[in-house]
Amino acid sequence: MLKTPYSRFKWVAFFEGASFLALIFIAMPLKYIAEIPLPNKVIGILHGILTVLYLFALIEFKLNYKVSWKEFFIFLAASLLPFGTFYAEKRWLRPIGAAHDEA
């Protein structure tokens, strides 16, 4: 499952995107509306770790799959937007993986 740079990047991107959504839609409302700060701290730390892992996985993916700088920055920008990693996976990552599997 995590044997290739493609699969590692795909899974890290999924969990990074999920942690971002959990932070925005669950942890932050709990902190600011319900005044429960602990989930924000825990999910915030987890999201930070996953963001760093995302960057490392993206660099490994770029080096192994000859991804252009334009695509690299698209994937990087996708990590900054809610739902961005999910959209980028469907729109750009799947075609790269499919093209590499055919080669």
C-alpha atoms as a PDB file:
ATOM      1  CA  MET A   1       0.000   0.000   0.000  1.00  0.00           C
ATOM      2  CA  LEU A   2       2.814   2.459   0.818  1.00  0.00           C
ATOM      3  CA  LYS A   3       5.521   0.858  -1.317  1.00  0.00           C
ATOM      4  CA  THR A   4       5.743   3.560  -3.985  1.00  0.00           C
ATOM      5  CA  PRO A   5       6.222   7.336  -3.770  1.00  0.00           C
ATOM      6  CA  TYR A   6       2.867   7.652  -5.559  1.00  0.00           C
ATOM      7  CA  SER A   7       0.948   5.659  -2.951  1.00  0.00           C
ATOM      8  CA  ARG A   8       2.771   7.339  -0.045  1.00  0.00           C
ATOM      9  CA  PHE A   9       1.970  10.786  -1.419  1.00  0.00           C
ATOM     10  CA  LYS A  10      -1.635   9.818  -2.129  1.00  0.00           C
ATOM     11  CA  TRP A  11      -2.232   8.580   1.435  1.00  0.00           C
ATOM     12  CA  VAL A  12      -0.391  11.416   3.144  1.00  0.00           C
ATOM     13  CA  ALA A  13      -2.370  13.889   1.010  1.00  0.00           C
ATOM     14  CA  PHE A  14      -5.623  12.209   2.051  1.00  0.00           C
ATOM     15  CA  PHE A  15      -4.825  12.361   5.771  1.00  0.00           C
ATOM     16  CA  GLU A  16      -3.416  15.895   5.550  1.00  0.00           C
ATOM     17  CA  GLY A  17      -6.597  17.058   3.814  1.00  0.00           C
ATOM     18  CA  ALA A  18      -8.806  15.234   6.313  1.00  0.00           C
ATOM     19  CA  SER A  19      -6.932  16.738   9.266  1.00  0.00           C
ATOM     20  CA  PHE A  20      -7.299  20.217   7.741  1.00  0.00           C
ATOM     21  CA  LEU A  21     -11.060  19.742   7.414  1.00  0.00           C
ATOM     22  CA  ALA A  22     -11.288  18.390  10.971  1.00  0.00           C
ATOM     23  CA  LEU A  23      -9.351  21.404  12.192  1.00  0.00           C
ATOM     24  CA  ILE A  24     -11.526  23.914  10.346  1.00  0.00           C
ATOM     25  CA  PHE A  25     -14.967  22.353  10.763  1.00  0.00           C
ATOM     26  CA  ILE A  26     -14.691  20.545  14.106  1.00  0.00           C
ATOM     27  CA  ALA A  27     -11.812  21.761  16.273  1.00  0.00           C
ATOM     28  CA  MET A  28     -12.022  25.485  15.578  1.00  0.00           C
ATOM     29  CA  PRO A  29     -15.785  25.734  16.166  1.00  0.00           C
ATOM     30  CA  LEU A  30     -15.324  23.802  19.409  1.00  0.00           C
ATOM     31  CA  LYS A  31     -12.632  26.249  20.462  1.00  0.00           C
ATOM     32  CA  TYR A  32     -14.333  29.493  19.496  1.00  0.00           C
ATOM     33  CA  ILE A  33     -18.032  28.651  19.891  1.00  0.00           C
ATOM     34  CA  ALA A  34     -18.102  26.055  22.665  1.00  0.00           C
ATOM     35  CA  GLU A  35     -14.904  27.280  24.338  1.00  0.00           C
ATOM     36  CA  ILE A  36     -13.330  23.793  24.316  1.00  0.00           C
ATOM     37  CA  PRO A  37      -9.701  24.375  23.233  1.00  0.00           C
ATOM     38  CA  LEU A  38      -8.192  20.874  23.646  1.00  0.00           C
ATOM     39  CA  PRO A  39      -9.393  19.371  20.315  1.00  0.00           C
ATOM     40  CA  ASN A  40      -7.938  22.382  18.504  1.00  0.00           C
ATOM     41  CA  LYS A  41      -4.534  21.783  20.092  1.00  0.00           C
ATOM     42  CA  VAL A  42      -4.516  18.046  19.388  1.00  0.00           C
ATOM     43  CA  ILE A  43      -5.797  18.244  15.817  1.00  0.00           C
ATOM     44  CA  GLY A  44      -3.627  21.311  15.177  1.00  0.00           C
ATOM     45  CA  ILE A  45      -0.469  19.425  16.156  1.00  0.00           C
ATOM     46  CA  LEU A  46      -1.533  16.383  14.124  1.00  0.00           C
ATOM     47  CA  HIS A  47      -2.285  18.584  11.119  1.00  0.00           C
ATOM     48  CA  GLY A  48       1.109  20.300  11.457  1.00  0.00           C
ATOM     49  CA  ILE A  49       2.918  16.958  11.462  1.00  0.00           C
ATOM     50  CA  LEU A  50       0.897  15.760   8.471  1.00  0.00           C
ATOM     51  CA  THR A  51       1.646  18.992   6.603  1.00  0.00           C
ATOM     52  CA  VAL A  52       5.388  18.419   7.032  1.00  0.00           C
ATOM     53  CA  LEU A  53       4.974  14.794   5.926  1.00  0.00           C
ATOM     54  CA  TYR A  54       2.969  16.041   2.930  1.00  0.00           C
ATOM     55  CA  LEU A  55       5.838  18.287   1.900  1.00  0.00           C
ATOM     56  CA  PHE A  56       8.388  15.465   2.198  1.00  0.00           C
ATOM     57  CA  ALA A  57       6.099  13.061   0.311  1.00  0.00           C
ATOM     58  CA  LEU A  58       5.537  15.698  -2.389  1.00  0.00           C
ATOM     59  CA  ILE A  59       9.284  16.203  -2.832  1.00  0.00           C
ATOM     60  CA  GLU A  60       9.841  12.437  -3.074  1.00  0.00           C
ATOM     61  CA  PHE A  61       6.939  12.171  -5.529  1.00  0.00           C
ATOM     62  CA  LYS A  62       8.338  14.979  -7.707  1.00  0.00           C
ATOM     63  CA  LEU A  63      11.790  13.437  -7.841  1.00  0.00           C
ATOM     64  CA  ASN A  64      10.578   9.932  -8.669  1.00  0.00           C
ATOM     65  CA  TYR A  65       7.805  10.758 -11.124  1.00  0.00           C
ATOM     66  CA  LYS A  66       9.401  13.670 -12.954  1.00  0.00           C
ATOM     67  CA  VAL A  67       6.571  15.996 -11.983  1.00  0.00           C
ATOM     68  CA  SER A  68       6.940  19.500 -13.410  1.00  0.00           C
ATOM     69  CA  TRP A  69       7.495  22.503 -11.176  1.00  0.00           C
ATOM     70  CA  LYS A  70       4.068  23.776 -12.173  1.00  0.00           C
ATOM     71  CA  GLU A  71       2.438  20.550 -10.951  1.00  0.00           C
ATOM     72  CA  PHE A  72       4.604  20.625  -7.820  1.00  0.00           C
ATOM     73  CA  PHE A  73       3.331  24.092  -6.927  1.00  0.00           C
ATOM     74  CA  ILE A  74      -0.258  23.102  -7.752  1.00  0.00           C
ATOM     75  CA  PHE A  75      -0.003  20.247  -5.248  1.00  0.00           C
ATOM     76  CA  LEU A  76       1.650  22.569  -2.738  1.00  0.00           C
ATOM     77  CA  ALA A  77      -1.115  25.176  -3.138  1.00  0.00           C
ATOM     78  CA  ALA A  78      -3.761  22.461  -2.869  1.00  0.00           C
ATOM     79  CA  SER A  79      -2.601  21.709   0.658  1.00  0.00           C
ATOM     80  CA  LEU A  80      -3.459  25.287   1.654  1.00  0.00           C
ATOM     81  CA  LEU A  81      -7.104  25.100   0.553  1.00  0.00           C
ATOM     82  CA  PRO A  82      -9.949  23.227   2.213  1.00  0.00           C
ATOM     83  CA  PHE A  83     -10.761  20.190   0.039  1.00  0.00           C
ATOM     84  CA  GLY A  84      -7.717  21.110  -2.096  1.00  0.00           C
ATOM     85  CA  THR A  85      -5.827  17.848  -1.653  1.00  0.00           C
ATOM     86  CA  PHE A  86      -8.935  15.847  -2.570  1.00  0.00           C
ATOM     87  CA  TYR A  87      -9.503  17.883  -5.728  1.00  0.00           C
ATOM     88  CA  ALA A  88      -5.824  17.735  -6.688  1.00  0.00           C
ATOM     89  CA  GLU A  89      -5.796  13.963  -6.198  1.00  0.00           C
ATOM     90  CA  LYS A  90      -8.749  13.510  -8.533  1.00  0.00           C
ATOM     91  CA  ARG A  91      -7.733  16.129 -11.114  1.00  0.00           C
ATOM     92  CA  TRP A  92      -3.935  15.763 -11.315  1.00  0.00           C
ATOM     93  CA  LEU A  93      -2.613  12.922  -9.175  1.00  0.00           C
ATOM     94  CA  ARG A  94      -4.686  10.063 -10.616  1.00  0.00           C
ATOM     95  CA  PRO A  95      -3.670  10.851 -14.220  1.00  0.00           C
ATOM     96  CA  ILE A  96       0.013  10.955 -13.235  1.00  0.00           C
ATOM     97  CA  GLY A  97      -0.289   7.625 -11.446  1.00  0.00           C
ATOM     98  CA  ALA A  98      -2.181   6.087 -14.359  1.00  0.00           C
ATOM     99  CA  ALA A  99       0.395   7.342 -16.876  1.00  0.00           C
ATOM    100  CA  HIS A 100       3.218   5.950 -14.777  1.00  0.00           C
ATOM    101  CA  ASP A 101       1.504   2.553 -14.403  1.00  0.00           C
ATOM    102  CA  GLU A 102       1.137   2.304 -18.187  1.00  0.00           C
ATOM    103  CA  ALA A 103       4.819   3.055 -18.820  1.00  0.00           C
END
